[in-house]
N, C-alpha and C. Protein backbone atom coordinates (compact mmCIF):
# COMPACT_ATOMS: atom_id res chain seq x y z
N MET A 1 25.93 -69.86 -11.52
CA MET A 1 26.05 -68.80 -10.67
C MET A 1 25.08 -67.68 -10.83
N ILE A 2 24.63 -67.00 -9.61
CA ILE A 2 23.66 -65.95 -9.68
C ILE A 2 24.59 -64.64 -9.51
N LYS A 3 23.51 -63.47 -9.93
CA LYS A 3 24.00 -62.27 -9.40
C LYS A 3 23.04 -61.24 -8.87
N ALA A 4 21.83 -62.01 -8.63
CA ALA A 4 20.89 -61.21 -7.87
C ALA A 4 19.87 -62.20 -7.13
N ILE A 5 19.12 -61.53 -6.31
CA ILE A 5 18.03 -62.50 -5.63
C ILE A 5 16.94 -61.40 -5.47
N LEU A 6 15.87 -62.01 -6.08
CA LEU A 6 14.29 -61.25 -5.79
C LEU A 6 13.78 -62.05 -4.59
N TRP A 7 13.41 -61.38 -3.43
CA TRP A 7 12.49 -61.95 -2.38
C TRP A 7 11.30 -61.52 -2.40
N ASP A 8 10.22 -62.61 -2.17
CA ASP A 8 9.01 -61.73 -1.80
C ASP A 8 8.95 -61.62 -0.18
N ASN A 9 7.90 -60.82 0.23
CA ASN A 9 8.01 -60.30 1.56
C ASN A 9 7.33 -61.43 2.69
N ASP A 10 5.86 -60.89 2.54
CA ASP A 10 5.13 -61.80 3.27
C ASP A 10 5.12 -63.22 3.26
N GLY A 11 5.57 -63.81 4.43
CA GLY A 11 5.96 -65.20 4.49
C GLY A 11 7.49 -65.81 4.21
N VAL A 12 8.24 -64.80 3.82
CA VAL A 12 9.55 -64.85 3.33
C VAL A 12 10.36 -63.85 4.33
N LEU A 13 10.28 -62.83 4.09
CA LEU A 13 11.23 -61.86 5.25
C LEU A 13 10.44 -61.35 6.20
N VAL A 14 9.10 -61.64 6.41
CA VAL A 14 8.33 -61.17 7.59
C VAL A 14 7.04 -62.49 8.00
N ASP A 15 7.04 -62.56 9.08
CA ASP A 15 5.65 -63.50 9.40
C ASP A 15 4.45 -62.89 9.41
N SER A 16 3.96 -61.77 8.08
CA SER A 16 3.10 -61.02 8.21
C SER A 16 1.61 -61.76 7.31
N GLU A 17 1.88 -63.03 6.90
CA GLU A 17 0.71 -63.50 6.21
C GLU A 17 -0.55 -63.80 7.02
N ARG A 18 0.03 -64.16 8.56
CA ARG A 18 -1.16 -64.77 9.28
C ARG A 18 -2.11 -63.23 9.88
N TYR A 19 -1.48 -62.24 9.51
CA TYR A 19 -2.26 -61.30 9.66
C TYR A 19 -3.22 -60.48 8.51
N TYR A 20 -2.66 -60.74 7.34
CA TYR A 20 -3.68 -60.72 6.16
C TYR A 20 -4.96 -61.53 6.23
N PHE A 21 -4.78 -63.08 6.72
CA PHE A 21 -5.60 -63.91 6.86
C PHE A 21 -6.51 -63.29 8.00
N GLU A 22 -6.14 -63.05 9.23
CA GLU A 22 -7.20 -62.53 10.17
C GLU A 22 -7.92 -61.16 9.59
N ALA A 23 -7.02 -60.45 9.02
CA ALA A 23 -8.01 -59.08 8.76
C ALA A 23 -9.27 -59.57 7.59
N ASN A 24 -8.78 -60.52 6.40
CA ASN A 24 -9.91 -61.00 5.70
C ASN A 24 -10.78 -61.67 6.32
N ARG A 25 -10.62 -62.64 7.40
CA ARG A 25 -11.54 -63.33 8.23
C ARG A 25 -12.31 -62.38 8.95
N VAL A 26 -11.72 -61.56 9.74
CA VAL A 26 -12.69 -60.73 10.74
C VAL A 26 -13.48 -60.02 10.04
N TYR A 27 -12.96 -59.29 8.46
CA TYR A 27 -13.82 -58.70 7.77
C TYR A 27 -15.01 -59.37 7.12
N LEU A 28 -14.97 -60.52 6.92
CA LEU A 28 -15.91 -61.11 6.38
C LEU A 28 -16.87 -61.87 7.48
N ARG A 29 -16.32 -61.74 8.31
CA ARG A 29 -17.17 -61.85 9.87
C ARG A 29 -18.65 -60.73 9.63
N ARG A 30 -18.17 -59.71 9.47
CA ARG A 30 -19.10 -58.88 9.09
C ARG A 30 -20.41 -58.97 8.68
N PHE A 31 -20.28 -59.84 7.31
CA PHE A 31 -21.40 -60.39 6.56
C PHE A 31 -21.62 -61.77 6.88
N GLY A 32 -21.16 -62.45 8.10
CA GLY A 32 -21.83 -63.58 8.47
C GLY A 32 -20.81 -64.89 7.98
N ILE A 33 -20.00 -64.46 7.14
CA ILE A 33 -19.06 -65.77 6.32
C ILE A 33 -17.78 -65.85 6.97
N GLU A 34 -17.65 -67.42 7.43
CA GLU A 34 -16.30 -67.74 8.13
C GLU A 34 -15.24 -68.37 7.17
N LEU A 35 -14.14 -67.30 6.90
CA LEU A 35 -12.98 -67.85 6.29
C LEU A 35 -12.31 -69.10 6.55
N SER A 36 -11.97 -69.95 5.95
CA SER A 36 -11.06 -71.30 6.68
C SER A 36 -9.52 -71.01 6.02
N VAL A 37 -8.94 -71.37 6.70
CA VAL A 37 -7.59 -71.47 6.49
C VAL A 37 -7.31 -72.19 4.99
N GLU A 38 -8.00 -73.21 4.55
CA GLU A 38 -7.95 -73.84 3.16
C GLU A 38 -8.25 -72.90 2.23
N GLU A 39 -9.69 -72.34 2.47
CA GLU A 39 -10.09 -71.43 1.45
C GLU A 39 -9.25 -70.36 1.37
N TYR A 40 -8.69 -69.36 2.44
CA TYR A 40 -7.99 -68.78 2.11
C TYR A 40 -6.29 -69.20 1.12
N PHE A 41 -5.52 -70.13 1.45
CA PHE A 41 -4.46 -70.54 0.85
C PHE A 41 -5.31 -70.62 -0.69
N GLN A 42 -6.23 -71.52 -1.08
CA GLN A 42 -6.67 -71.88 -2.34
C GLN A 42 -7.10 -70.34 -3.02
N TRP A 43 -7.68 -69.33 -2.36
CA TRP A 43 -7.89 -68.38 -3.15
C TRP A 43 -7.38 -66.99 -3.51
N TYR A 44 -6.33 -66.91 -2.24
CA TYR A 44 -5.38 -65.69 -2.26
C TYR A 44 -4.11 -66.38 -2.80
N LEU A 45 -3.76 -67.37 -1.93
CA LEU A 45 -2.35 -67.80 -2.40
C LEU A 45 -1.89 -68.57 -3.42
N CYS A 46 -3.08 -69.22 -3.83
CA CYS A 46 -3.08 -69.92 -5.07
C CYS A 46 -3.58 -69.18 -6.18
N GLU A 47 -5.09 -68.49 -6.64
CA GLU A 47 -5.50 -68.09 -7.16
C GLU A 47 -5.29 -66.69 -7.40
N ASN A 48 -5.30 -66.11 -6.16
CA ASN A 48 -5.16 -64.40 -6.23
C ASN A 48 -6.50 -63.94 -6.57
N ARG A 49 -7.57 -64.28 -6.04
CA ARG A 49 -8.87 -63.72 -6.56
C ARG A 49 -9.68 -63.32 -5.22
N GLY A 50 -9.03 -63.55 -4.37
CA GLY A 50 -9.81 -63.35 -2.99
C GLY A 50 -11.03 -64.08 -2.52
N ALA A 51 -12.09 -63.55 -1.78
CA ALA A 51 -13.13 -64.16 -1.28
C ALA A 51 -14.63 -63.42 -1.55
N TRP A 52 -14.31 -62.33 -2.63
CA TRP A 52 -15.22 -61.38 -2.69
C TRP A 52 -16.60 -61.67 -3.15
N HIS A 53 -16.38 -63.08 -4.02
CA HIS A 53 -17.44 -63.72 -4.88
C HIS A 53 -18.29 -64.15 -3.55
N LEU A 54 -17.65 -64.24 -2.46
CA LEU A 54 -18.76 -64.83 -1.25
C LEU A 54 -19.91 -63.77 -0.90
N LEU A 55 -19.34 -62.78 -1.37
CA LEU A 55 -20.34 -61.70 -0.83
C LEU A 55 -21.37 -61.37 -2.25
N ASP A 56 -20.69 -61.33 -3.04
CA ASP A 56 -21.67 -61.10 -4.50
C ASP A 56 -21.08 -61.49 -5.75
N GLU A 57 -21.34 -62.49 -6.17
CA GLU A 57 -20.56 -63.01 -7.36
C GLU A 57 -20.51 -62.13 -8.53
N ASN A 58 -21.56 -61.17 -8.64
CA ASN A 58 -21.46 -60.09 -9.61
C ASN A 58 -21.37 -58.56 -9.51
N ALA A 59 -20.99 -58.60 -8.00
CA ALA A 59 -20.33 -57.43 -7.48
C ALA A 59 -19.21 -56.21 -8.72
N SER A 60 -19.34 -55.42 -8.52
CA SER A 60 -18.86 -54.38 -9.59
C SER A 60 -17.52 -53.99 -9.26
N THR A 61 -16.46 -53.72 -9.99
CA THR A 61 -15.06 -53.34 -9.74
C THR A 61 -15.26 -52.37 -8.69
N GLU A 62 -16.01 -51.24 -8.52
CA GLU A 62 -16.28 -50.25 -7.57
C GLU A 62 -16.43 -51.09 -6.51
N GLN A 63 -17.52 -51.79 -6.17
CA GLN A 63 -17.61 -52.27 -4.81
C GLN A 63 -16.28 -52.94 -4.23
N ILE A 64 -16.01 -54.04 -5.65
CA ILE A 64 -14.94 -54.47 -4.58
C ILE A 64 -13.93 -53.65 -4.01
N ALA A 65 -13.75 -52.49 -4.70
CA ALA A 65 -12.72 -51.78 -4.35
C ALA A 65 -13.16 -51.00 -3.10
N HIS A 66 -14.36 -50.90 -2.64
CA HIS A 66 -14.36 -50.31 -1.61
C HIS A 66 -14.45 -51.35 -0.51
N TRP A 67 -14.58 -52.84 -0.51
CA TRP A 67 -14.63 -53.94 0.37
C TRP A 67 -12.96 -53.86 0.71
N ARG A 68 -12.40 -53.77 -0.45
CA ARG A 68 -10.97 -53.69 -0.27
C ARG A 68 -10.26 -52.59 0.75
N ARG A 69 -10.91 -51.60 0.47
CA ARG A 69 -10.38 -50.24 1.12
C ARG A 69 -10.58 -50.32 2.90
N GLU A 70 -12.03 -51.09 3.11
CA GLU A 70 -12.39 -51.64 4.39
C GLU A 70 -11.15 -52.45 4.98
N ARG A 71 -10.91 -53.62 4.45
CA ARG A 71 -10.22 -54.46 4.67
C ARG A 71 -8.99 -54.00 4.60
N ASN A 72 -8.71 -53.05 3.90
CA ASN A 72 -7.06 -52.45 4.21
C ASN A 72 -6.78 -51.98 5.54
N VAL A 73 -8.02 -51.09 5.82
CA VAL A 73 -7.48 -50.59 7.33
C VAL A 73 -7.74 -50.90 8.21
N LEU A 74 -8.42 -52.87 8.55
CA LEU A 74 -8.51 -53.47 9.17
C LEU A 74 -6.89 -53.96 9.42
N HIS A 75 -6.63 -54.21 8.20
CA HIS A 75 -5.22 -54.98 8.17
C HIS A 75 -4.24 -53.91 8.63
N LEU A 76 -3.95 -52.67 8.55
CA LEU A 76 -3.21 -52.06 8.95
C LEU A 76 -3.16 -51.72 10.45
N GLU A 77 -4.79 -51.79 10.99
CA GLU A 77 -4.94 -52.13 12.49
C GLU A 77 -3.90 -52.96 12.91
N LEU A 78 -4.38 -54.28 12.74
CA LEU A 78 -3.59 -55.06 13.17
C LEU A 78 -1.89 -55.38 13.21
N LEU A 79 -1.53 -54.74 11.59
CA LEU A 79 0.02 -54.43 12.10
C LEU A 79 0.49 -53.30 13.03
N GLU A 80 -0.12 -52.54 12.95
CA GLU A 80 0.36 -51.37 14.03
C GLU A 80 0.37 -51.99 15.35
N ARG A 81 -0.39 -52.92 15.48
CA ARG A 81 -0.31 -53.57 16.99
C ARG A 81 0.58 -54.65 17.16
N ALA A 82 1.13 -55.24 15.90
CA ALA A 82 2.08 -56.18 16.01
C ALA A 82 3.36 -55.55 16.38
N GLY A 83 4.15 -56.81 17.16
CA GLY A 83 5.71 -56.30 17.59
C GLY A 83 6.49 -56.71 16.07
N SER A 84 7.61 -56.77 16.40
CA SER A 84 8.75 -57.08 15.17
C SER A 84 8.05 -58.27 14.50
N LEU A 85 8.02 -58.29 13.20
CA LEU A 85 7.59 -59.76 12.56
C LEU A 85 8.54 -60.29 11.87
N LEU A 86 9.61 -60.38 11.94
CA LEU A 86 10.92 -60.99 11.43
C LEU A 86 10.95 -62.37 11.34
N ILE A 87 11.15 -63.00 10.48
CA ILE A 87 11.15 -64.20 10.41
C ILE A 87 12.39 -64.73 11.25
N PRO A 88 12.51 -65.47 12.00
CA PRO A 88 13.67 -66.02 12.79
C PRO A 88 14.67 -66.53 11.48
N GLY A 89 16.17 -65.83 11.95
CA GLY A 89 16.94 -66.10 10.91
C GLY A 89 17.41 -65.48 9.60
N ILE A 90 16.10 -64.58 9.58
CA ILE A 90 16.27 -63.88 8.12
C ILE A 90 17.38 -62.49 8.32
N GLU A 91 17.68 -62.22 9.41
CA GLU A 91 18.95 -61.09 9.58
C GLU A 91 20.20 -61.62 9.37
N ASN A 92 20.02 -62.82 9.94
CA ASN A 92 21.66 -63.69 9.69
C ASN A 92 21.81 -63.73 8.19
N VAL A 93 20.59 -64.45 7.37
CA VAL A 93 21.06 -64.90 6.31
C VAL A 93 21.52 -63.46 5.27
N LEU A 94 20.46 -62.66 5.65
CA LEU A 94 20.67 -60.91 4.70
C LEU A 94 22.21 -60.78 4.89
N GLU A 95 22.33 -60.83 6.37
CA GLU A 95 24.00 -60.26 6.66
C GLU A 95 25.03 -60.92 5.66
N HIS A 96 24.81 -62.19 5.75
CA HIS A 96 25.78 -62.97 4.61
C HIS A 96 25.94 -62.85 3.72
N LEU A 97 24.73 -62.13 2.97
CA LEU A 97 24.46 -62.21 1.56
C LEU A 97 24.84 -60.54 1.30
N ASN A 98 25.05 -59.82 2.08
CA ASN A 98 25.13 -58.31 1.93
C ASN A 98 26.39 -58.30 1.17
N GLY A 99 26.14 -57.29 0.23
CA GLY A 99 27.58 -57.13 -0.37
C GLY A 99 27.82 -58.22 -1.58
N ARG A 100 27.12 -59.13 -1.46
CA ARG A 100 27.85 -60.37 -2.27
C ARG A 100 26.94 -60.56 -3.42
N VAL A 101 25.64 -60.20 -3.54
CA VAL A 101 24.82 -60.52 -4.34
C VAL A 101 23.61 -59.10 -4.67
N ASP A 102 23.09 -58.67 -5.20
CA ASP A 102 22.01 -57.34 -5.79
C ASP A 102 20.76 -58.41 -5.13
N MET A 103 19.77 -57.56 -4.33
CA MET A 103 18.91 -58.00 -3.94
C MET A 103 17.92 -57.02 -3.72
N GLY A 104 16.56 -57.47 -4.38
CA GLY A 104 15.15 -56.62 -4.39
C GLY A 104 14.21 -57.27 -3.50
N ILE A 105 12.88 -56.36 -3.45
CA ILE A 105 12.01 -57.09 -2.79
C ILE A 105 10.58 -56.97 -4.03
N VAL A 106 9.82 -58.06 -4.16
CA VAL A 106 8.80 -57.95 -4.87
C VAL A 106 7.71 -58.55 -4.24
N THR A 107 6.66 -57.34 -4.00
CA THR A 107 5.29 -57.68 -2.92
C THR A 107 4.23 -57.38 -3.52
N SER A 108 3.06 -58.38 -3.12
CA SER A 108 1.57 -57.85 -3.58
C SER A 108 1.57 -57.29 -2.39
N ALA A 109 1.79 -56.90 -1.53
CA ALA A 109 1.28 -55.87 -0.67
C ALA A 109 1.15 -54.70 -0.90
N THR A 110 0.57 -53.38 -0.25
CA THR A 110 0.50 -52.05 -0.79
C THR A 110 1.44 -51.48 -0.13
N ARG A 111 1.83 -50.10 -0.32
CA ARG A 111 2.94 -49.66 0.10
C ARG A 111 2.59 -49.49 1.68
N ALA A 112 1.55 -48.90 2.08
CA ALA A 112 1.27 -48.61 3.32
C ALA A 112 1.32 -49.92 4.23
N SER A 113 0.78 -51.11 3.78
CA SER A 113 1.19 -52.15 4.93
C SER A 113 2.76 -52.38 5.01
N PHE A 114 3.33 -52.69 3.74
CA PHE A 114 4.49 -52.93 3.66
C PHE A 114 5.54 -51.97 4.32
N GLU A 115 5.26 -50.48 4.44
CA GLU A 115 6.05 -49.66 5.22
C GLU A 115 5.33 -49.77 6.93
N ALA A 116 4.31 -50.68 7.33
CA ALA A 116 3.84 -50.40 8.40
C ALA A 116 4.23 -51.86 9.38
N ILE A 117 4.73 -52.80 8.67
CA ILE A 117 5.76 -53.99 8.65
C ILE A 117 7.08 -53.25 9.06
N HIS A 118 7.64 -53.11 7.97
CA HIS A 118 9.39 -52.68 8.15
C HIS A 118 9.67 -51.26 8.68
N ASN A 119 8.47 -50.57 9.25
CA ASN A 119 9.09 -49.09 10.03
C ASN A 119 9.71 -49.63 11.63
N ARG A 120 9.87 -50.71 11.82
CA ARG A 120 10.25 -51.23 13.41
C ARG A 120 11.58 -51.93 13.20
N HIS A 121 12.33 -51.95 12.09
CA HIS A 121 13.33 -52.70 11.86
C HIS A 121 14.53 -52.00 10.61
N ASP A 122 15.87 -52.53 10.48
CA ASP A 122 16.58 -51.83 9.39
C ASP A 122 16.79 -52.50 7.96
N ILE A 123 16.27 -53.78 8.05
CA ILE A 123 16.91 -54.90 7.22
C ILE A 123 16.44 -54.37 5.68
N LEU A 124 15.77 -53.63 5.19
CA LEU A 124 15.59 -52.80 4.16
C LEU A 124 17.02 -52.25 3.57
N ARG A 125 17.67 -52.02 4.27
CA ARG A 125 18.96 -51.59 4.12
C ARG A 125 19.81 -52.45 3.13
N HIS A 126 19.20 -53.92 3.07
CA HIS A 126 19.97 -55.04 2.38
C HIS A 126 19.75 -54.87 0.93
N PHE A 127 18.60 -54.28 0.54
CA PHE A 127 17.72 -54.21 -0.84
C PHE A 127 17.88 -52.76 -1.55
N ARG A 128 18.28 -53.12 -2.75
CA ARG A 128 18.25 -51.71 -4.00
C ARG A 128 16.80 -51.39 -4.02
N PHE A 129 15.86 -52.31 -3.71
CA PHE A 129 14.59 -51.68 -4.23
C PHE A 129 13.35 -52.40 -3.37
N ALA A 130 12.47 -51.99 -3.89
CA ALA A 130 11.04 -52.64 -2.92
C ALA A 130 9.82 -52.39 -4.07
N LEU A 131 9.22 -53.25 -4.75
CA LEU A 131 8.15 -53.31 -5.47
C LEU A 131 7.05 -53.77 -5.02
N THR A 132 6.12 -52.88 -4.44
CA THR A 132 4.84 -52.95 -3.91
C THR A 132 4.00 -53.18 -4.69
N ALA A 133 2.57 -53.06 -4.52
CA ALA A 133 1.09 -53.53 -5.22
C ALA A 133 0.84 -51.95 -6.47
N GLU A 134 1.77 -50.94 -6.43
CA GLU A 134 1.18 -50.02 -6.82
C GLU A 134 2.22 -49.60 -7.67
N THR A 135 3.02 -50.63 -7.96
CA THR A 135 4.51 -50.12 -9.01
C THR A 135 4.05 -51.19 -10.11
N TYR A 136 3.28 -51.76 -10.36
CA TYR A 136 2.86 -52.84 -11.41
C TYR A 136 1.31 -52.59 -11.73
N ASP A 137 1.00 -53.12 -12.82
CA ASP A 137 -0.15 -53.33 -13.40
C ASP A 137 -1.05 -54.90 -12.82
N LYS A 138 -0.06 -55.77 -13.06
CA LYS A 138 -0.64 -57.05 -13.03
C LYS A 138 -0.07 -57.79 -11.90
N SER A 139 -0.83 -58.28 -10.84
CA SER A 139 -0.12 -58.81 -9.49
C SER A 139 0.55 -60.28 -9.79
N LYS A 140 1.17 -60.92 -9.09
CA LYS A 140 1.34 -62.35 -9.02
C LYS A 140 0.04 -63.31 -9.22
N PRO A 141 -0.16 -64.31 -9.92
CA PRO A 141 0.87 -65.11 -10.63
C PRO A 141 1.37 -64.28 -11.99
N SER A 142 0.78 -63.48 -12.26
CA SER A 142 1.54 -62.58 -13.58
C SER A 142 2.85 -62.98 -13.68
N PRO A 143 3.59 -62.81 -14.50
CA PRO A 143 5.14 -62.79 -14.11
C PRO A 143 5.62 -61.17 -14.20
N GLU A 144 4.73 -60.26 -14.43
CA GLU A 144 4.78 -58.61 -14.55
C GLU A 144 6.18 -58.31 -13.25
N PRO A 145 5.62 -58.63 -12.08
CA PRO A 145 6.29 -57.99 -10.97
C PRO A 145 7.70 -58.47 -10.94
N TYR A 146 7.66 -59.87 -11.42
CA TYR A 146 9.53 -60.10 -11.16
C TYR A 146 10.34 -59.44 -12.70
N LEU A 147 9.50 -59.41 -13.86
CA LEU A 147 10.08 -58.86 -15.04
C LEU A 147 10.58 -57.50 -14.62
N LEU A 148 9.71 -56.85 -13.87
CA LEU A 148 10.17 -55.56 -13.90
C LEU A 148 11.08 -55.26 -12.74
N GLY A 149 11.26 -56.65 -11.69
CA GLY A 149 12.25 -56.80 -10.73
C GLY A 149 13.85 -57.13 -11.51
N LEU A 150 13.49 -57.94 -12.31
CA LEU A 150 14.84 -57.72 -13.43
C LEU A 150 15.36 -56.56 -13.89
N GLU A 151 14.22 -56.15 -14.63
CA GLU A 151 14.49 -54.87 -15.20
C GLU A 151 15.19 -53.94 -14.28
N LYS A 152 14.83 -53.60 -13.24
CA LYS A 152 15.57 -52.71 -12.36
C LYS A 152 16.87 -53.19 -11.76
N LEU A 153 17.22 -54.58 -11.72
CA LEU A 153 18.74 -55.17 -11.56
C LEU A 153 19.22 -55.09 -12.71
N GLY A 154 18.87 -55.09 -13.90
CA GLY A 154 19.86 -54.77 -14.53
C GLY A 154 20.40 -56.41 -15.32
N CYS A 155 19.77 -57.50 -14.83
CA CYS A 155 20.41 -58.54 -15.29
C CYS A 155 19.25 -59.65 -15.77
N ARG A 156 20.08 -60.66 -16.46
CA ARG A 156 18.71 -61.65 -16.87
C ARG A 156 18.48 -62.94 -16.24
N ALA A 157 17.42 -63.36 -16.71
CA ALA A 157 16.55 -64.33 -15.62
C ALA A 157 17.46 -65.31 -15.19
N GLU A 158 18.24 -65.90 -15.99
CA GLU A 158 19.33 -67.27 -15.68
C GLU A 158 20.52 -66.46 -15.09
N GLU A 159 20.18 -65.42 -14.27
CA GLU A 159 21.29 -64.78 -13.51
C GLU A 159 20.95 -64.61 -12.07
N CYS A 160 19.65 -64.79 -11.66
CA CYS A 160 18.45 -64.33 -11.08
C CYS A 160 18.14 -65.30 -9.98
N LEU A 161 17.82 -65.28 -8.69
CA LEU A 161 16.75 -66.26 -8.02
C LEU A 161 15.68 -65.72 -7.39
N VAL A 162 14.65 -66.25 -7.34
CA VAL A 162 13.55 -65.77 -6.24
C VAL A 162 13.59 -66.81 -5.16
N VAL A 163 12.96 -66.06 -4.07
CA VAL A 163 12.72 -66.73 -2.87
C VAL A 163 11.10 -66.32 -2.81
N GLU A 164 10.63 -67.88 -2.32
CA GLU A 164 9.06 -67.18 -2.41
C GLU A 164 8.41 -68.41 -1.33
N ASP A 165 7.07 -68.25 -1.20
CA ASP A 165 6.50 -69.07 -0.23
C ASP A 165 5.18 -69.53 -0.56
N SER A 166 4.80 -69.17 -1.91
CA SER A 166 3.25 -69.39 -2.44
C SER A 166 3.16 -70.01 -3.52
N PRO A 167 1.95 -70.59 -4.13
CA PRO A 167 1.93 -71.28 -5.33
C PRO A 167 2.06 -69.99 -6.36
N ARG A 168 1.20 -68.83 -6.13
CA ARG A 168 1.04 -67.79 -6.94
C ARG A 168 2.45 -67.17 -7.30
N GLY A 169 3.15 -67.01 -6.27
CA GLY A 169 4.38 -66.65 -6.29
C GLY A 169 5.30 -67.55 -7.35
N LEU A 170 5.31 -68.52 -6.90
CA LEU A 170 6.18 -69.83 -7.69
C LEU A 170 6.02 -69.71 -9.00
N GLN A 171 4.64 -69.64 -9.53
CA GLN A 171 4.27 -69.53 -10.84
C GLN A 171 4.72 -67.95 -11.34
N ALA A 172 4.75 -67.10 -10.76
CA ALA A 172 5.12 -65.72 -11.32
C ALA A 172 6.10 -65.98 -11.72
N ALA A 173 7.41 -66.40 -11.02
CA ALA A 173 9.05 -66.23 -11.18
C ALA A 173 9.23 -67.34 -12.28
N LEU A 174 8.28 -68.85 -12.07
CA LEU A 174 8.59 -69.37 -13.08
C LEU A 174 8.01 -68.69 -14.88
N ALA A 175 7.37 -68.14 -14.74
CA ALA A 175 6.76 -67.47 -15.93
C ALA A 175 7.50 -66.17 -16.50
N ALA A 176 8.37 -65.96 -15.46
CA ALA A 176 9.36 -64.83 -15.34
C ALA A 176 10.92 -65.26 -16.09
N GLY A 177 10.64 -67.00 -16.15
CA GLY A 177 12.16 -67.41 -16.56
C GLY A 177 12.85 -67.67 -15.17
N ILE A 178 12.46 -67.28 -14.21
CA ILE A 178 13.51 -67.36 -12.91
C ILE A 178 13.50 -68.49 -12.48
N ARG A 179 14.62 -69.14 -11.84
CA ARG A 179 14.36 -70.59 -11.03
C ARG A 179 13.89 -69.91 -9.53
N CYS A 180 13.31 -70.55 -8.44
CA CYS A 180 12.57 -70.11 -7.30
C CYS A 180 12.62 -71.46 -6.22
N ILE A 181 13.24 -70.73 -5.18
CA ILE A 181 13.11 -71.55 -4.11
C ILE A 181 11.84 -71.27 -3.00
N ILE A 182 11.42 -72.25 -2.73
CA ILE A 182 10.15 -72.18 -2.07
C ILE A 182 10.50 -72.34 -0.55
N LEU A 183 10.26 -71.60 0.41
CA LEU A 183 10.46 -71.46 1.66
C LEU A 183 9.04 -71.73 2.33
N ARG A 184 9.06 -72.67 2.96
CA ARG A 184 7.50 -73.42 3.41
C ARG A 184 7.30 -72.79 4.58
N ASN A 185 5.88 -72.39 5.15
CA ASN A 185 5.52 -72.23 6.41
C ASN A 185 4.09 -72.98 6.64
N PRO A 186 3.90 -72.64 7.73
CA PRO A 186 2.35 -73.37 8.27
C PRO A 186 1.41 -73.22 7.30
N LEU A 187 1.01 -72.44 6.50
CA LEU A 187 0.04 -72.10 5.48
C LEU A 187 0.31 -73.11 4.29
N SER A 188 1.45 -73.33 4.09
CA SER A 188 1.73 -73.78 2.70
C SER A 188 2.64 -75.43 3.04
N ARG A 189 2.61 -75.93 4.33
CA ARG A 189 3.43 -76.92 4.17
C ARG A 189 2.66 -78.31 3.70
N HIS A 190 1.09 -78.25 3.23
CA HIS A 190 0.89 -79.44 2.30
C HIS A 190 0.92 -79.39 1.07
N HIS A 191 1.37 -78.15 0.64
CA HIS A 191 1.19 -78.06 -1.03
C HIS A 191 3.11 -78.69 -1.24
N ASP A 192 2.66 -79.23 -2.59
CA ASP A 192 3.91 -80.07 -3.07
C ASP A 192 4.91 -79.09 -3.98
N PHE A 193 4.46 -77.89 -4.48
CA PHE A 193 5.25 -77.25 -5.50
C PHE A 193 6.22 -77.71 -6.30
N ALA A 194 5.65 -78.37 -6.92
CA ALA A 194 6.50 -79.54 -7.89
C ALA A 194 7.33 -78.62 -8.76
N ASP A 195 7.30 -77.61 -9.28
CA ASP A 195 8.36 -76.98 -10.22
C ASP A 195 9.18 -76.16 -9.30
N ALA A 196 9.04 -76.24 -8.25
CA ALA A 196 10.02 -75.33 -7.40
C ALA A 196 11.64 -75.81 -7.46
N TYR A 197 12.51 -75.00 -7.98
CA TYR A 197 13.85 -75.09 -7.96
C TYR A 197 14.42 -76.08 -6.58
N ARG A 198 13.80 -75.57 -5.44
CA ARG A 198 14.18 -76.17 -4.25
C ARG A 198 13.30 -75.80 -3.17
N ILE A 199 13.03 -76.82 -2.37
CA ILE A 199 11.79 -76.42 -1.42
C ILE A 199 12.63 -76.54 -0.03
N VAL A 200 12.62 -75.37 1.00
CA VAL A 200 13.34 -75.47 2.14
C VAL A 200 12.63 -75.24 3.29
N GLY A 201 12.93 -75.71 4.69
CA GLY A 201 11.72 -75.53 5.66
C GLY A 201 12.39 -74.75 6.81
N SER A 202 13.74 -74.01 6.37
CA SER A 202 14.42 -73.29 7.61
C SER A 202 15.11 -72.18 6.69
N MET A 203 15.35 -71.30 7.54
CA MET A 203 16.42 -70.40 6.99
C MET A 203 17.91 -70.73 7.03
N ASP A 204 18.13 -71.78 7.74
CA ASP A 204 19.64 -72.66 7.44
C ASP A 204 19.57 -73.26 6.61
N GLU A 205 18.77 -73.75 6.11
CA GLU A 205 18.32 -74.63 4.58
C GLU A 205 18.31 -73.60 3.63
N LEU A 206 17.86 -72.68 3.59
CA LEU A 206 17.81 -71.43 2.57
C LEU A 206 19.27 -70.73 2.29
N LEU A 207 20.02 -70.49 3.40
CA LEU A 207 21.25 -70.36 3.15
C LEU A 207 21.86 -71.10 2.30
N VAL A 208 22.07 -72.24 2.78
CA VAL A 208 22.99 -73.34 2.18
C VAL A 208 22.88 -73.36 0.51
N GLU A 209 21.47 -73.21 0.14
CA GLU A 209 20.94 -73.62 -1.29
C GLU A 209 21.32 -72.04 -1.89
N ILE A 210 21.17 -70.73 -1.16
CA ILE A 210 21.76 -69.89 -1.84
C ILE A 210 23.23 -69.87 -2.06
N GLU A 211 24.11 -70.15 -1.31
CA GLU A 211 25.60 -70.23 -1.14
C GLU A 211 25.89 -71.30 -2.45
N ALA A 212 24.98 -72.54 -2.66
CA ALA A 212 25.31 -73.18 -3.34
C ALA A 212 25.33 -72.59 -4.91
N LEU A 213 24.68 -71.53 -5.04
CA LEU A 213 24.50 -70.98 -6.51
C LEU A 213 25.27 -69.80 -6.27
N LEU A 214 26.18 -69.34 -5.70
CA LEU A 214 27.12 -68.24 -5.28
C LEU A 214 28.26 -68.81 -5.87
N ASP A 215 28.48 -69.79 -5.55
CA ASP A 215 29.68 -70.49 -6.01
C ASP A 215 30.10 -70.15 -7.42
């Protein structure tokens, strides 16, 4: 039986991953580089290293930070023009769980992009907190974000569940000792996620699996 759930954001609560991909693809085109979906999945969602090596293998930390800031401006512009990004069915899932289990969000997104996504609906009322990139030192696949989530929830790893959609998110959850359910999306449909507790393809399937852990 679980007492708490830690949710990833992009690709799990909201259909926003495509905008981050598009921001990176458009930004890299300024340098004559075409980023493919396969490259994005491997470099961003598996390895968490980005594609800056395509610009300069020996780029300094300061130079990469500059490129990231420019990319982030483009990302925010895309998000601001988007409508509601809620994944169909997520509101129903959260309503079913509200008051029955403690919940928090653990995302690699910046606070600015997180707020740009969530300022047009009210699902954040279901969560005790949201940890963004500014709240920890090492991002996923490091376990640090999820260990911090456990600390804020005040529960043990075996009392918690993580819902993720990426290989690096799964790796982070497992490294923190937390079972993880993977919600597939178009970007991850071909990945096997061999070590996941469960793999689901819809919100209805996800709710069934969570309910089984609450009994």
